[in-house]
Amino acid sequence: MKPIVNLEESPGKVVGRVRPIQYDSLVDLAEGLMPRLPYPKGIYRFRTFEEADSWKRQLLLQAAVTKSRAHHG
């Protein structure tokens, strides 16, 4: 079945509006939430994946808190 499109008809009212995306604020938010490489250099060995995940989560939280304190004074 062929779609019905009337090219002579002008569009009616537009409800709402489209706001432009502010990419700079999104980038700032992303950098604030996920700091870069909070891990110290070196090789780390863990007995389980849970132990490695716990270590990684702890370092991410420490880096986020440190960055937040530095940013907010």
C-alpha atoms as a PDB file:
ATOM      1  CA  MET A   1       0.000   0.000   0.000  1.00  0.00           C
ATOM      2  CA  LYS A   2       1.349   3.385  -0.985  1.00  0.00           C
ATOM      3  CA  PRO A   3       1.531   6.076   1.767  1.00  0.00           C
ATOM      4  CA  ILE A   4      -0.643   9.133   1.282  1.00  0.00           C
ATOM      5  CA  VAL A   5       1.363  12.367   1.210  1.00  0.00           C
ATOM      6  CA  ASN A   6      -0.084  15.650   0.090  1.00  0.00           C
ATOM      7  CA  LEU A   7       2.830  17.907  -0.927  1.00  0.00           C
ATOM      8  CA  GLU A   8       0.530  20.896  -1.526  1.00  0.00           C
ATOM      9  CA  GLU A   9      -0.653  21.001   2.081  1.00  0.00           C
ATOM     10  CA  SER A  10       1.194  23.342   4.422  1.00  0.00           C
ATOM     11  CA  PRO A  11       1.961  22.074   7.923  1.00  0.00           C
ATOM     12  CA  GLY A  12      -0.297  23.278  10.739  1.00  0.00           C
ATOM     13  CA  LYS A  13       0.603  24.454  14.197  1.00  0.00           C
ATOM     14  CA  VAL A  14       3.667  23.132  15.976  1.00  0.00           C
ATOM     15  CA  VAL A  15       3.082  22.158  19.579  1.00  0.00           C
ATOM     16  CA  GLY A  16       6.056  22.723  21.858  1.00  0.00           C
ATOM     17  CA  ARG A  17       9.528  23.547  20.758  1.00  0.00           C
ATOM     18  CA  VAL A  18      12.819  21.763  20.320  1.00  0.00           C
ATOM     19  CA  ARG A  19      15.598  23.068  22.510  1.00  0.00           C
ATOM     20  CA  PRO A  20      19.109  22.828  21.124  1.00  0.00           C
ATOM     21  CA  ILE A  21      21.349  20.382  22.952  1.00  0.00           C
ATOM     22  CA  GLN A  22      24.089  22.100  24.927  1.00  0.00           C
ATOM     23  CA  TYR A  23      26.992  19.740  24.390  1.00  0.00           C
ATOM     24  CA  ASP A  24      29.446  21.753  26.492  1.00  0.00           C
ATOM     25  CA  SER A  25      27.355  21.313  29.630  1.00  0.00           C
ATOM     26  CA  LEU A  26      26.957  17.585  28.895  1.00  0.00           C
ATOM     27  CA  VAL A  27      30.729  17.185  28.556  1.00  0.00           C
ATOM     28  CA  ASP A  28      31.311  19.069  31.823  1.00  0.00           C
ATOM     29  CA  LEU A  29      28.766  16.864  33.585  1.00  0.00           C
ATOM     30  CA  ALA A  30      30.317  13.685  32.209  1.00  0.00           C
ATOM     31  CA  GLU A  31      33.818  14.751  33.257  1.00  0.00           C
ATOM     32  CA  GLY A  32      32.527  15.582  36.717  1.00  0.00           C
ATOM     33  CA  LEU A  33      30.854  12.214  37.110  1.00  0.00           C
ATOM     34  CA  MET A  34      33.619  10.063  35.690  1.00  0.00           C
ATOM     35  CA  PRO A  35      37.124  11.264  36.520  1.00  0.00           C
ATOM     36  CA  ARG A  36      39.943  10.095  34.288  1.00  0.00           C
ATOM     37  CA  LEU A  37      42.255   7.318  35.405  1.00  0.00           C
ATOM     38  CA  PRO A  38      41.991   7.475  39.184  1.00  0.00           C
ATOM     39  CA  TYR A  39      44.009   4.269  39.386  1.00  0.00           C
ATOM     40  CA  PRO A  40      47.636   4.362  40.471  1.00  0.00           C
ATOM     41  CA  LYS A  41      50.080   3.008  37.897  1.00  0.00           C
ATOM     42  CA  GLY A  42      51.197  -0.541  38.235  1.00  0.00           C
ATOM     43  CA  ILE A  43      50.024  -4.130  38.026  1.00  0.00           C
ATOM     44  CA  TYR A  44      47.435  -5.378  40.480  1.00  0.00           C
ATOM     45  CA  ARG A  45      46.434  -8.947  41.172  1.00  0.00           C
ATOM     46  CA  PHE A  46      43.160  -9.906  42.756  1.00  0.00           C
ATOM     47  CA  ARG A  47      41.856 -13.260  43.913  1.00  0.00           C
ATOM     48  CA  THR A  48      38.322 -12.653  42.617  1.00  0.00           C
ATOM     49  CA  PHE A  49      36.479 -10.348  40.250  1.00  0.00           C
ATOM     50  CA  GLU A  50      34.448  -9.084  43.215  1.00  0.00           C
ATOM     51  CA  GLU A  51      37.641  -7.988  44.985  1.00  0.00           C
ATOM     52  CA  ALA A  52      38.818  -6.149  41.837  1.00  0.00           C
ATOM     53  CA  ASP A  53      35.420  -4.483  41.383  1.00  0.00           C
ATOM     54  CA  SER A  54      35.389  -3.382  45.019  1.00  0.00           C
ATOM     55  CA  TRP A  55      38.890  -1.891  44.686  1.00  0.00           C
ATOM     56  CA  LYS A  56      37.937  -0.087  41.477  1.00  0.00           C
ATOM     57  CA  ARG A  57      34.689   1.251  42.971  1.00  0.00           C
ATOM     58  CA  GLN A  58      36.548   2.546  46.052  1.00  0.00           C
ATOM     59  CA  LEU A  59      39.111   4.415  43.926  1.00  0.00           C
ATOM     60  CA  LEU A  60      36.398   5.915  41.707  1.00  0.00           C
ATOM     61  CA  LEU A  61      34.484   7.172  44.735  1.00  0.00           C
ATOM     62  CA  GLN A  62      37.642   8.644  46.291  1.00  0.00           C
ATOM     63  CA  ALA A  63      38.475  10.448  43.048  1.00  0.00           C
ATOM     64  CA  ALA A  64      34.917  11.775  42.700  1.00  0.00           C
ATOM     65  CA  VAL A  65      34.878  13.062  46.291  1.00  0.00           C
ATOM     66  CA  THR A  66      38.283  14.702  45.883  1.00  0.00           C
ATOM     67  CA  LYS A  67      37.244  16.342  42.620  1.00  0.00           C
ATOM     68  CA  SER A  68      33.944  17.493  44.128  1.00  0.00           C
ATOM     69  CA  ARG A  69      35.673  19.061  47.124  1.00  0.00           C
ATOM     70  CA  ALA A  70      38.185  20.823  44.895  1.00  0.00           C
ATOM     71  CA  HIS A  71      35.423  22.077  42.601  1.00  0.00           C
ATOM     72  CA  HIS A  72      33.051  23.280  45.348  1.00  0.00           C
ATOM     73  CA  GLY A  73      35.682  24.695  47.626  1.00  0.00           C
END
